[in-house]
Amino acid sequence: MFKIIHVSDTHIEPVGRFVVGLNPHERLGQVVQAINESHADAALCVITGDLTDRGDEGSYRAFADIVNELKVPCRLLLGNHDNREIFRRVFPDAPFDASGFIQSTADFGDTRLIFLDSLHDNHAGLGQLCNARLEWLERVSQEAAATGRRSVIFIHHPPFSVGVRMFDQMLLENPAPFLNQITASKPLHLAFGHLHLTTSGSWNGIPYSCNRGVAHRIALSLDGDVTEFIEAEPTFDVMLISPNGVLVHHTAPTTATSVIAREYPTEDGKGHQVMLRTDIAGV
């Protein structure tokens, strides 16, 4: 078993600019600090797109300044708010495929991680996997299967509806070829972002999870047409991967002052609880 950190939707702006009233630099910094303090043993940190809010060079450089503080290796993907050309200018060492898409793989024992580029150059919200990207995916998936590896796929855009109407027009464009591929290859897990919602489940027998992201949270409204942004803590996922499956823990940065009590094990199994804060009601 090995650990992967899944981060998404950081929406960084140039220093000093906020997104829907929130400071994206501060929020990403909190996540980086939490990863360094509690998950420095992770094999990789994967950030699944919308690295910046506007896709400009200043934002990418501000993003780089923060993620360079990570103590674990990092793999970056692109989302609909990103710009591939400017990203490659700021991150010249980022891996890409023969067609120039930000796609790559990483093998850990019997597991292959596959990172897809779903940036649509001609639509602000939709994702895209063109023929070249799909052909690349088929090849690396077949290579994994030939060596006995199961795959875990990371992408920014969900390829299917998660039952939230406002997002049904902002998913992966023409998802059928991609869905046909993963139906045939049966990856261990599919991880994505984009929704600013925490959701998980299975599609056609394929388990999936969506990381809510570092930036603003969106209120869950299954049938609503209006997007409501919520001030809530930044989040990330801790994924424990083995050939048998994937465990996903959704979590957030914590501080010493946010711990209100501790419980210590006792022989009778009841545990001994100690309150750490006296300002809690009833203490």
C-alpha atoms as a PDB file:
ATOM      1  CA  MET A   1       0.000   0.000   0.000  1.00  0.00           C
ATOM      2  CA  PHE A   2       1.206   3.517  -0.769  1.00  0.00           C
ATOM      3  CA  LYS A   3      -0.148   7.005  -0.159  1.00  0.00           C
ATOM      4  CA  ILE A   4      -1.172   9.597  -2.743  1.00  0.00           C
ATOM      5  CA  ILE A   5      -2.350  13.101  -1.873  1.00  0.00           C
ATOM      6  CA  HIS A   6      -5.081  14.421  -4.158  1.00  0.00           C
ATOM      7  CA  VAL A   7      -5.473  18.206  -4.293  1.00  0.00           C
ATOM      8  CA  SER A   8      -7.661  20.115  -6.739  1.00  0.00           C
ATOM      9  CA  ASP A   9      -8.974  23.519  -7.777  1.00  0.00           C
ATOM     10  CA  THR A  10      -6.473  25.848  -6.164  1.00  0.00           C
ATOM     11  CA  HIS A  11      -7.541  28.828  -8.357  1.00  0.00           C
ATOM     12  CA  ILE A  12      -4.454  30.905  -7.628  1.00  0.00           C
ATOM     13  CA  GLU A  13      -4.415  34.550  -8.717  1.00  0.00           C
ATOM     14  CA  PRO A  14      -1.461  36.947  -8.763  1.00  0.00           C
ATOM     15  CA  VAL A  15      -0.337  37.864  -5.242  1.00  0.00           C
ATOM     16  CA  GLY A  16      -2.794  40.195  -3.554  1.00  0.00           C
ATOM     17  CA  ARG A  17      -5.877  39.143  -5.525  1.00  0.00           C
ATOM     18  CA  PHE A  18      -8.712  37.152  -4.009  1.00  0.00           C
ATOM     19  CA  VAL A  19     -11.268  34.763  -5.574  1.00  0.00           C
ATOM     20  CA  VAL A  20     -14.899  35.215  -4.457  1.00  0.00           C
ATOM     21  CA  GLY A  21     -13.589  37.091  -1.427  1.00  0.00           C
ATOM     22  CA  LEU A  22     -11.199  34.344  -0.315  1.00  0.00           C
ATOM     23  CA  ASN A  23      -7.395  34.332  -0.324  1.00  0.00           C
ATOM     24  CA  PRO A  24      -6.299  31.386  -2.520  1.00  0.00           C
ATOM     25  CA  HIS A  25      -2.607  31.801  -1.602  1.00  0.00           C
ATOM     26  CA  GLU A  26      -3.313  31.482   2.113  1.00  0.00           C
ATOM     27  CA  ARG A  27      -5.572  28.478   1.568  1.00  0.00           C
ATOM     28  CA  LEU A  28      -3.080  26.578  -0.601  1.00  0.00           C
ATOM     29  CA  GLY A  29      -0.336  27.431   1.882  1.00  0.00           C
ATOM     30  CA  GLN A  30      -2.395  25.817   4.648  1.00  0.00           C
ATOM     31  CA  VAL A  31      -2.801  22.653   2.589  1.00  0.00           C
ATOM     32  CA  VAL A  32       0.901  22.481   1.741  1.00  0.00           C
ATOM     33  CA  GLN A  33       1.795  22.900   5.408  1.00  0.00           C
ATOM     34  CA  ALA A  34      -0.657  20.159   6.428  1.00  0.00           C
ATOM     35  CA  ILE A  35       0.762  17.764   3.829  1.00  0.00           C
ATOM     36  CA  ASN A  36       4.329  18.489   4.928  1.00  0.00           C
ATOM     37  CA  GLU A  37       3.506  18.012   8.615  1.00  0.00           C
ATOM     38  CA  SER A  38       1.293  14.924   8.428  1.00  0.00           C
ATOM     39  CA  HIS A  39       1.841  13.250   5.039  1.00  0.00           C
ATOM     40  CA  ALA A  40       5.481  13.742   4.082  1.00  0.00           C
ATOM     41  CA  ASP A  41       5.611   9.971   3.545  1.00  0.00           C
ATOM     42  CA  ALA A  42       3.291  10.214   0.530  1.00  0.00           C
ATOM     43  CA  ALA A  43       4.646   8.877  -2.736  1.00  0.00           C
ATOM     44  CA  LEU A  44       3.147  11.743  -4.728  1.00  0.00           C
ATOM     45  CA  CYS A  45       0.880  14.779  -4.552  1.00  0.00           C
ATOM     46  CA  VAL A  46      -1.455  15.116  -7.553  1.00  0.00           C
ATOM     47  CA  ILE A  47      -3.150  18.465  -8.225  1.00  0.00           C
ATOM     48  CA  THR A  48      -5.970  17.942 -10.703  1.00  0.00           C
ATOM     49  CA  GLY A  49      -6.329  21.248 -12.454  1.00  0.00           C
ATOM     50  CA  ASP A  50      -7.639  24.762 -12.150  1.00  0.00           C
ATOM     51  CA  LEU A  51      -4.231  25.518 -10.746  1.00  0.00           C
ATOM     52  CA  THR A  52      -4.920  29.187 -11.482  1.00  0.00           C
ATOM     53  CA  ASP A  53      -8.118  31.170 -11.842  1.00  0.00           C
ATOM     54  CA  ARG A  54      -7.219  33.003 -15.082  1.00  0.00           C
ATOM     55  CA  GLY A  55      -4.370  31.039 -16.635  1.00  0.00           C
ATOM     56  CA  ASP A  56      -1.927  33.960 -16.621  1.00  0.00           C
ATOM     57  CA  GLU A  57       1.811  33.807 -16.041  1.00  0.00           C
ATOM     58  CA  GLY A  58       1.769  35.796 -12.809  1.00  0.00           C
ATOM     59  CA  SER A  59      -0.686  33.360 -11.279  1.00  0.00           C
ATOM     60  CA  TYR A  60       1.355  30.328 -12.333  1.00  0.00           C
ATOM     61  CA  ARG A  61       4.486  31.827 -10.806  1.00  0.00           C
ATOM     62  CA  ALA A  62       2.621  32.558  -7.582  1.00  0.00           C
ATOM     63  CA  PHE A  63       1.330  28.969  -7.615  1.00  0.00           C
ATOM     64  CA  ALA A  64       4.859  27.648  -8.174  1.00  0.00           C
ATOM     65  CA  ASP A  65       6.204  29.619  -5.216  1.00  0.00           C
ATOM     66  CA  ILE A  66       3.733  27.847  -2.923  1.00  0.00           C
ATOM     67  CA  VAL A  67       3.887  24.274  -4.241  1.00  0.00           C
ATOM     68  CA  ASN A  68       7.695  24.392  -4.353  1.00  0.00           C
ATOM     69  CA  GLU A  69       7.472  24.186  -0.560  1.00  0.00           C
ATOM     70  CA  LEU A  70       5.991  20.669  -0.766  1.00  0.00           C
ATOM     71  CA  LYS A  71       8.177  17.958   0.735  1.00  0.00           C
ATOM     72  CA  VAL A  72       6.718  15.291  -1.573  1.00  0.00           C
ATOM     73  CA  PRO A  73       6.946  15.081  -5.380  1.00  0.00           C
ATOM     74  CA  CYS A  74       4.098  16.776  -7.213  1.00  0.00           C
ATOM     75  CA  ARG A  75       2.311  16.045 -10.502  1.00  0.00           C
ATOM     76  CA  LEU A  76       0.252  18.866 -12.019  1.00  0.00           C
ATOM     77  CA  LEU A  77      -2.799  18.526 -14.288  1.00  0.00           C
ATOM     78  CA  LEU A  78      -4.769  21.170 -16.163  1.00  0.00           C
ATOM     79  CA  GLY A  79      -8.384  22.278 -15.788  1.00  0.00           C
ATOM     80  CA  ASN A  80     -10.686  24.625 -17.662  1.00  0.00           C
ATOM     81  CA  HIS A  81      -9.255  27.723 -15.916  1.00  0.00           C
ATOM     82  CA  ASP A  82      -5.718  26.868 -17.041  1.00  0.00           C
ATOM     83  CA  ASN A  83      -3.667  27.742 -20.115  1.00  0.00           C
ATOM     84  CA  ARG A  84      -1.481  24.985 -21.541  1.00  0.00           C
ATOM     85  CA  GLU A  85       1.027  27.231 -23.344  1.00  0.00           C
ATOM     86  CA  ILE A  86       1.637  29.494 -20.361  1.00  0.00           C
ATOM     87  CA  PHE A  87       1.738  26.523 -17.984  1.00  0.00           C
ATOM     88  CA  ARG A  88       4.511  24.909 -20.032  1.00  0.00           C
ATOM     89  CA  ARG A  89       6.433  28.183 -20.084  1.00  0.00           C
ATOM     90  CA  VAL A  90       6.414  28.381 -16.275  1.00  0.00           C
ATOM     91  CA  PHE A  91       6.814  24.604 -15.727  1.00  0.00           C
ATOM     92  CA  PRO A  92       9.165  23.525 -18.542  1.00  0.00           C
ATOM     93  CA  ASP A  93      10.025  20.268 -16.759  1.00  0.00           C
ATOM     94  CA  ALA A  94       6.416  19.106 -16.408  1.00  0.00           C
ATOM     95  CA  PRO A  95       5.939  15.811 -18.312  1.00  0.00           C
ATOM     96  CA  PHE A  96       3.854  15.848 -21.486  1.00  0.00           C
ATOM     97  CA  ASP A  97       2.949  13.398 -24.249  1.00  0.00           C
ATOM     98  CA  ALA A  98       4.113  13.347 -27.877  1.00  0.00           C
ATOM     99  CA  SER A  99       1.272  15.693 -28.883  1.00  0.00           C
ATOM    100  CA  GLY A 100       2.151  18.283 -26.249  1.00  0.00           C
ATOM    101  CA  PHE A 101      -0.688  17.495 -23.846  1.00  0.00           C
ATOM    102  CA  ILE A 102       0.068  17.493 -20.134  1.00  0.00           C
ATOM    103  CA  GLN A 103      -0.361  13.742 -19.798  1.00  0.00           C
ATOM    104  CA  SER A 104       1.908  11.224 -18.113  1.00  0.00           C
ATOM    105  CA  THR A 105       2.037   8.099 -15.975  1.00  0.00           C
ATOM    106  CA  ALA A 106       3.744   6.969 -12.787  1.00  0.00           C
ATOM    107  CA  ASP A 107       4.170   3.342 -11.754  1.00  0.00           C
ATOM    108  CA  PHE A 108       4.253   2.233  -8.143  1.00  0.00           C
ATOM    109  CA  GLY A 109       4.658  -1.525  -7.862  1.00  0.00           C
ATOM    110  CA  ASP A 110       1.566  -3.180  -9.325  1.00  0.00           C
ATOM    111  CA  THR A 111      -0.277   0.118  -9.829  1.00  0.00           C
ATOM    112  CA  ARG A 112      -0.045   2.637 -12.663  1.00  0.00           C
ATOM    113  CA  LEU A 113      -1.248   6.188 -12.086  1.00  0.00           C
ATOM    114  CA  ILE A 114      -2.504   7.848 -15.274  1.00  0.00           C
ATOM    115  CA  PHE A 115      -2.739  11.643 -15.492  1.00  0.00           C
ATOM    116  CA  LEU A 116      -4.989  13.125 -18.182  1.00  0.00           C
ATOM    117  CA  ASP A 117      -5.180  16.584 -19.745  1.00  0.00           C
ATOM    118  CA  SER A 118      -8.867  17.496 -20.149  1.00  0.00           C
ATOM    119  CA  LEU A 119      -8.365  21.194 -20.941  1.00  0.00           C
ATOM    120  CA  HIS A 120     -10.691  22.299 -23.756  1.00  0.00           C
ATOM    121  CA  ASP A 121      -9.018  25.135 -25.654  1.00  0.00           C
ATOM    122  CA  ASN A 122     -12.275  26.372 -27.163  1.00  0.00           C
ATOM    123  CA  HIS A 123     -14.751  26.204 -24.277  1.00  0.00           C
ATOM    124  CA  ALA A 124     -14.538  27.856 -20.865  1.00  0.00           C
ATOM    125  CA  GLY A 125     -16.287  25.116 -18.915  1.00  0.00           C
ATOM    126  CA  LEU A 126     -16.328  21.859 -20.845  1.00  0.00           C
ATOM    127  CA  GLY A 127     -13.544  19.307 -20.731  1.00  0.00           C
ATOM    128  CA  GLN A 128     -12.152  17.530 -23.770  1.00  0.00           C
ATOM    129  CA  LEU A 129     -10.320  14.314 -24.578  1.00  0.00           C
ATOM    130  CA  CYS A 130      -9.567  14.468 -28.299  1.00  0.00           C
ATOM    131  CA  ASN A 131      -8.562  11.457 -30.383  1.00  0.00           C
ATOM    132  CA  ALA A 132      -4.871  12.012 -29.709  1.00  0.00           C
ATOM    133  CA  ARG A 133      -5.410  12.041 -25.947  1.00  0.00           C
ATOM    134  CA  LEU A 134      -7.699   9.014 -26.085  1.00  0.00           C
ATOM    135  CA  GLU A 135      -5.209   7.059 -28.193  1.00  0.00           C
ATOM    136  CA  TRP A 136      -2.488   7.865 -25.674  1.00  0.00           C
ATOM    137  CA  LEU A 137      -4.739   6.694 -22.833  1.00  0.00           C
ATOM    138  CA  GLU A 138      -5.521   3.434 -24.608  1.00  0.00           C
ATOM    139  CA  ARG A 139      -1.830   2.753 -25.192  1.00  0.00           C
ATOM    140  CA  VAL A 140      -0.683   3.406 -21.607  1.00  0.00           C
ATOM    141  CA  SER A 141      -3.641   1.441 -20.230  1.00  0.00           C
ATOM    142  CA  GLN A 142      -2.801  -1.531 -22.436  1.00  0.00           C
ATOM    143  CA  GLU A 143       0.849  -1.305 -21.386  1.00  0.00           C
ATOM    144  CA  ALA A 144      -0.217  -1.394 -17.749  1.00  0.00           C
ATOM    145  CA  ALA A 145      -2.458  -4.400 -18.289  1.00  0.00           C
ATOM    146  CA  ALA A 146       0.292  -6.233 -20.177  1.00  0.00           C
ATOM    147  CA  THR A 147       2.577  -5.923 -17.151  1.00  0.00           C
ATOM    148  CA  GLY A 148      -0.125  -6.940 -14.680  1.00  0.00           C
ATOM    149  CA  ARG A 149      -0.753  -3.448 -13.345  1.00  0.00           C
ATOM    150  CA  ARG A 150      -4.133  -1.965 -12.440  1.00  0.00           C
ATOM    151  CA  SER A 151      -4.658   1.713 -13.166  1.00  0.00           C
ATOM    152  CA  VAL A 152      -5.827   4.719 -11.190  1.00  0.00           C
ATOM    153  CA  ILE A 153      -6.870   7.639 -13.411  1.00  0.00           C
ATOM    154  CA  PHE A 154      -6.696  11.323 -12.478  1.00  0.00           C
ATOM    155  CA  ILE A 155      -8.510  13.981 -14.540  1.00  0.00           C
ATOM    156  CA  HIS A 156      -9.986  17.424 -13.897  1.00  0.00           C
ATOM    157  CA  HIS A 157     -13.430  17.079 -15.483  1.00  0.00           C
ATOM    158  CA  PRO A 158     -15.966  14.436 -14.449  1.00  0.00           C
ATOM    159  CA  PRO A 159     -16.973  12.306 -17.451  1.00  0.00           C
ATOM    160  CA  PHE A 160     -20.520  11.689 -16.156  1.00  0.00           C
ATOM    161  CA  SER A 161     -23.227  13.464 -14.191  1.00  0.00           C
ATOM    162  CA  VAL A 162     -23.093  13.271 -10.413  1.00  0.00           C
ATOM    163  CA  GLY A 163     -26.719  14.353 -10.146  1.00  0.00           C
ATOM    164  CA  VAL A 164     -26.058  18.103  -9.763  1.00  0.00           C
ATOM    165  CA  ARG A 165     -27.926  19.851 -12.574  1.00  0.00           C
ATOM    166  CA  MET A 166     -25.838  23.037 -12.672  1.00  0.00           C
ATOM    167  CA  PHE A 167     -22.757  20.993 -13.587  1.00  0.00           C
ATOM    168  CA  ASP A 168     -24.333  18.786 -16.220  1.00  0.00           C
ATOM    169  CA  GLN A 169     -23.381  21.314 -18.930  1.00  0.00           C
ATOM    170  CA  MET A 170     -19.781  21.608 -17.697  1.00  0.00           C
ATOM    171  CA  LEU A 171     -18.566  18.027 -17.845  1.00  0.00           C
ATOM    172  CA  LEU A 172     -16.335  16.169 -20.283  1.00  0.00           C
ATOM    173  CA  GLU A 173     -17.478  16.832 -23.849  1.00  0.00           C
ATOM    174  CA  ASN A 174     -18.504  13.711 -25.777  1.00  0.00           C
ATOM    175  CA  PRO A 175     -17.571  11.379 -22.912  1.00  0.00           C
ATOM    176  CA  ALA A 176     -18.657   8.131 -24.613  1.00  0.00           C
ATOM    177  CA  PRO A 177     -15.236   7.135 -26.059  1.00  0.00           C
ATOM    178  CA  PHE A 178     -13.557   7.688 -22.687  1.00  0.00           C
ATOM    179  CA  LEU A 179     -16.298   5.864 -20.801  1.00  0.00           C
ATOM    180  CA  ASN A 180     -16.098   2.968 -23.258  1.00  0.00           C
ATOM    181  CA  GLN A 181     -12.371   2.729 -22.631  1.00  0.00           C
ATOM    182  CA  ILE A 182     -12.608   2.652 -18.860  1.00  0.00           C
ATOM    183  CA  THR A 183     -15.555   0.264 -18.989  1.00  0.00           C
ATOM    184  CA  ALA A 184     -13.273  -2.129 -20.843  1.00  0.00           C
ATOM    185  CA  SER A 185     -10.121  -1.556 -18.792  1.00  0.00           C
ATOM    186  CA  LYS A 186     -11.832  -1.311 -15.357  1.00  0.00           C
ATOM    187  CA  PRO A 187      -9.404   0.973 -13.500  1.00  0.00           C
ATOM    188  CA  LEU A 188      -9.134   0.606  -9.750  1.00  0.00           C
ATOM    189  CA  HIS A 189     -10.319   4.173  -9.248  1.00  0.00           C
ATOM    190  CA  LEU A 190     -11.140   7.433 -11.031  1.00  0.00           C
ATOM    191  CA  ALA A 191     -10.330  10.724  -9.259  1.00  0.00           C
ATOM    192  CA  PHE A 192     -11.368  14.180 -10.439  1.00  0.00           C
ATOM    193  CA  GLY A 193     -12.106  17.737  -9.272  1.00  0.00           C
ATOM    194  CA  HIS A 194     -13.907  20.637 -11.002  1.00  0.00           C
ATOM    195  CA  LEU A 195     -17.140  20.390  -8.998  1.00  0.00           C
ATOM    196  CA  HIS A 196     -16.033  22.136  -5.778  1.00  0.00           C
ATOM    197  CA  LEU A 197     -18.152  19.468  -4.089  1.00  0.00           C
ATOM    198  CA  THR A 198     -17.198  16.343  -2.185  1.00  0.00           C
ATOM    199  CA  THR A 199     -18.728  13.325  -3.854  1.00  0.00           C
ATOM    200  CA  SER A 200     -17.895   9.656  -4.315  1.00  0.00           C
ATOM    201  CA  GLY A 201     -19.534   6.507  -5.566  1.00  0.00           C
ATOM    202  CA  SER A 202     -19.228   4.108  -8.465  1.00  0.00           C
ATOM    203  CA  TRP A 203     -20.103   4.363 -12.140  1.00  0.00           C
ATOM    204  CA  ASN A 204     -20.652   1.125 -14.021  1.00  0.00           C
ATOM    205  CA  GLY A 205     -18.657  -0.668 -11.355  1.00  0.00           C
ATOM    206  CA  ILE A 206     -15.777   1.855 -11.353  1.00  0.00           C
ATOM    207  CA  PRO A 207     -15.218   3.586  -7.988  1.00  0.00           C
ATOM    208  CA  TYR A 208     -14.676   7.342  -8.136  1.00  0.00           C
ATOM    209  CA  SER A 209     -14.040  10.298  -5.848  1.00  0.00           C
ATOM    210  CA  CYS A 210     -14.125  14.056  -6.304  1.00  0.00           C
ATOM    211  CA  ASN A 211     -11.962  16.308  -4.162  1.00  0.00           C
ATOM    212  CA  ARG A 212     -13.833  19.499  -3.189  1.00  0.00           C
ATOM    213  CA  GLY A 213     -10.702  21.559  -3.602  1.00  0.00           C
ATOM    214  CA  VAL A 214      -8.593  24.197  -1.955  1.00  0.00           C
ATOM    215  CA  ALA A 215     -10.517  27.254  -3.142  1.00  0.00           C
ATOM    216  CA  HIS A 216     -14.178  28.104  -2.596  1.00  0.00           C
ATOM    217  CA  ARG A 217     -16.733  25.455  -1.761  1.00  0.00           C
ATOM    218  CA  ILE A 218     -20.052  25.306  -3.644  1.00  0.00           C
ATOM    219  CA  ALA A 219     -23.298  24.556  -1.814  1.00  0.00           C
ATOM    220  CA  LEU A 220     -24.879  21.261  -2.817  1.00  0.00           C
ATOM    221  CA  SER A 221     -28.047  21.907  -4.798  1.00  0.00           C
ATOM    222  CA  LEU A 222     -29.204  18.984  -6.898  1.00  0.00           C
ATOM    223  CA  ASP A 223     -31.756  20.891  -8.961  1.00  0.00           C
ATOM    224  CA  GLY A 224     -30.763  24.548  -8.553  1.00  0.00           C
ATOM    225  CA  ASP A 225     -29.594  26.862 -11.325  1.00  0.00           C
ATOM    226  CA  VAL A 226     -27.791  29.403  -9.134  1.00  0.00           C
ATOM    227  CA  THR A 227     -24.282  28.690  -7.815  1.00  0.00           C
ATOM    228  CA  GLU A 228     -23.757  29.611  -4.159  1.00  0.00           C
ATOM    229  CA  PHE A 229     -20.196  29.921  -2.881  1.00  0.00           C
ATOM    230  CA  ILE A 230     -19.512  29.059   0.751  1.00  0.00           C
ATOM    231  CA  GLU A 231     -16.702  30.144   3.034  1.00  0.00           C
ATOM    232  CA  ALA A 232     -15.378  26.800   4.216  1.00  0.00           C
ATOM    233  CA  GLU A 233     -12.045  25.207   5.005  1.00  0.00           C
ATOM    234  CA  PRO A 234      -9.696  24.141   2.188  1.00  0.00           C
ATOM    235  CA  THR A 235      -9.565  20.379   1.698  1.00  0.00           C
ATOM    236  CA  PHE A 236      -7.508  17.569   0.187  1.00  0.00           C
ATOM    237  CA  ASP A 237      -7.806  13.793  -0.091  1.00  0.00           C
ATOM    238  CA  VAL A 238      -5.473  11.152   1.272  1.00  0.00           C
ATOM    239  CA  MET A 239      -5.583   8.075  -0.954  1.00  0.00           C
ATOM    240  CA  LEU A 240      -4.203   4.725   0.184  1.00  0.00           C
ATOM    241  CA  ILE A 241      -3.687   2.561  -2.885  1.00  0.00           C
ATOM    242  CA  SER A 242      -3.030  -1.145  -3.187  1.00  0.00           C
ATOM    243  CA  PRO A 243      -3.650  -3.640  -6.016  1.00  0.00           C
ATOM    244  CA  ASN A 244      -6.864  -4.602  -4.205  1.00  0.00           C
ATOM    245  CA  GLY A 245      -8.425  -1.171  -4.062  1.00  0.00           C
ATOM    246  CA  VAL A 246      -8.265   2.490  -3.093  1.00  0.00           C
ATOM    247  CA  LEU A 247      -9.166   4.048   0.256  1.00  0.00           C
ATOM    248  CA  VAL A 248      -9.973   7.773   0.146  1.00  0.00           C
ATOM    249  CA  HIS A 249      -9.938   9.962   3.250  1.00  0.00           C
ATOM    250  CA  HIS A 250     -11.319  13.477   2.757  1.00  0.00           C
ATOM    251  CA  THR A 251      -9.600  15.854   5.147  1.00  0.00           C
ATOM    252  CA  ALA A 252      -8.562  19.448   5.842  1.00  0.00           C
ATOM    253  CA  PRO A 253      -5.698  21.290   7.515  1.00  0.00           C
ATOM    254  CA  THR A 254      -5.967  21.451  11.291  1.00  0.00           C
ATOM    255  CA  THR A 255      -4.196  23.547  13.903  1.00  0.00           C
ATOM    256  CA  ALA A 256      -3.380  22.907  17.547  1.00  0.00           C
ATOM    257  CA  THR A 257      -6.192  25.208  18.633  1.00  0.00           C
ATOM    258  CA  SER A 258      -8.770  23.303  16.581  1.00  0.00           C
ATOM    259  CA  VAL A 259      -8.270  20.138  18.677  1.00  0.00           C
ATOM    260  CA  ILE A 260     -10.855  20.331  21.454  1.00  0.00           C
ATOM    261  CA  ALA A 261     -10.279  16.954  23.165  1.00  0.00           C
ATOM    262  CA  ARG A 262      -8.177  13.799  23.117  1.00  0.00           C
ATOM    263  CA  GLU A 263      -9.189  10.251  24.007  1.00  0.00           C
ATOM    264  CA  TYR A 264      -6.631   7.762  25.277  1.00  0.00           C
ATOM    265  CA  PRO A 265      -7.150   3.965  25.144  1.00  0.00           C
ATOM    266  CA  THR A 266      -7.935   2.081  28.348  1.00  0.00           C
ATOM    267  CA  GLU A 267      -8.003  -1.622  29.133  1.00  0.00           C
ATOM    268  CA  ASP A 268     -11.791  -1.667  29.536  1.00  0.00           C
ATOM    269  CA  GLY A 269     -12.230  -0.301  26.005  1.00  0.00           C
ATOM    270  CA  LYS A 270     -14.132   2.786  27.136  1.00  0.00           C
ATOM    271  CA  GLY A 271     -11.249   5.199  26.639  1.00  0.00           C
ATOM    272  CA  HIS A 272     -10.250   8.192  28.749  1.00  0.00           C
ATOM    273  CA  GLN A 273     -11.243  11.564  27.314  1.00  0.00           C
ATOM    274  CA  VAL A 274      -9.438  14.778  28.176  1.00  0.00           C
ATOM    275  CA  MET A 275     -10.850  18.167  27.206  1.00  0.00           C
ATOM    276  CA  LEU A 276      -8.184  20.559  25.929  1.00  0.00           C
ATOM    277  CA  ARG A 277     -10.246  23.738  25.691  1.00  0.00           C
ATOM    278  CA  THR A 278     -12.221  25.372  28.465  1.00  0.00           C
ATOM    279  CA  ASP A 279     -14.090  27.774  26.206  1.00  0.00           C
ATOM    280  CA  ILE A 280     -16.361  25.010  24.870  1.00  0.00           C
ATOM    281  CA  ALA A 281     -19.960  25.163  26.047  1.00  0.00           C
ATOM    282  CA  GLY A 282     -20.566  22.854  29.001  1.00  0.00           C
ATOM    283  CA  VAL A 283     -16.902  22.591  30.013  1.00  0.00           C
END
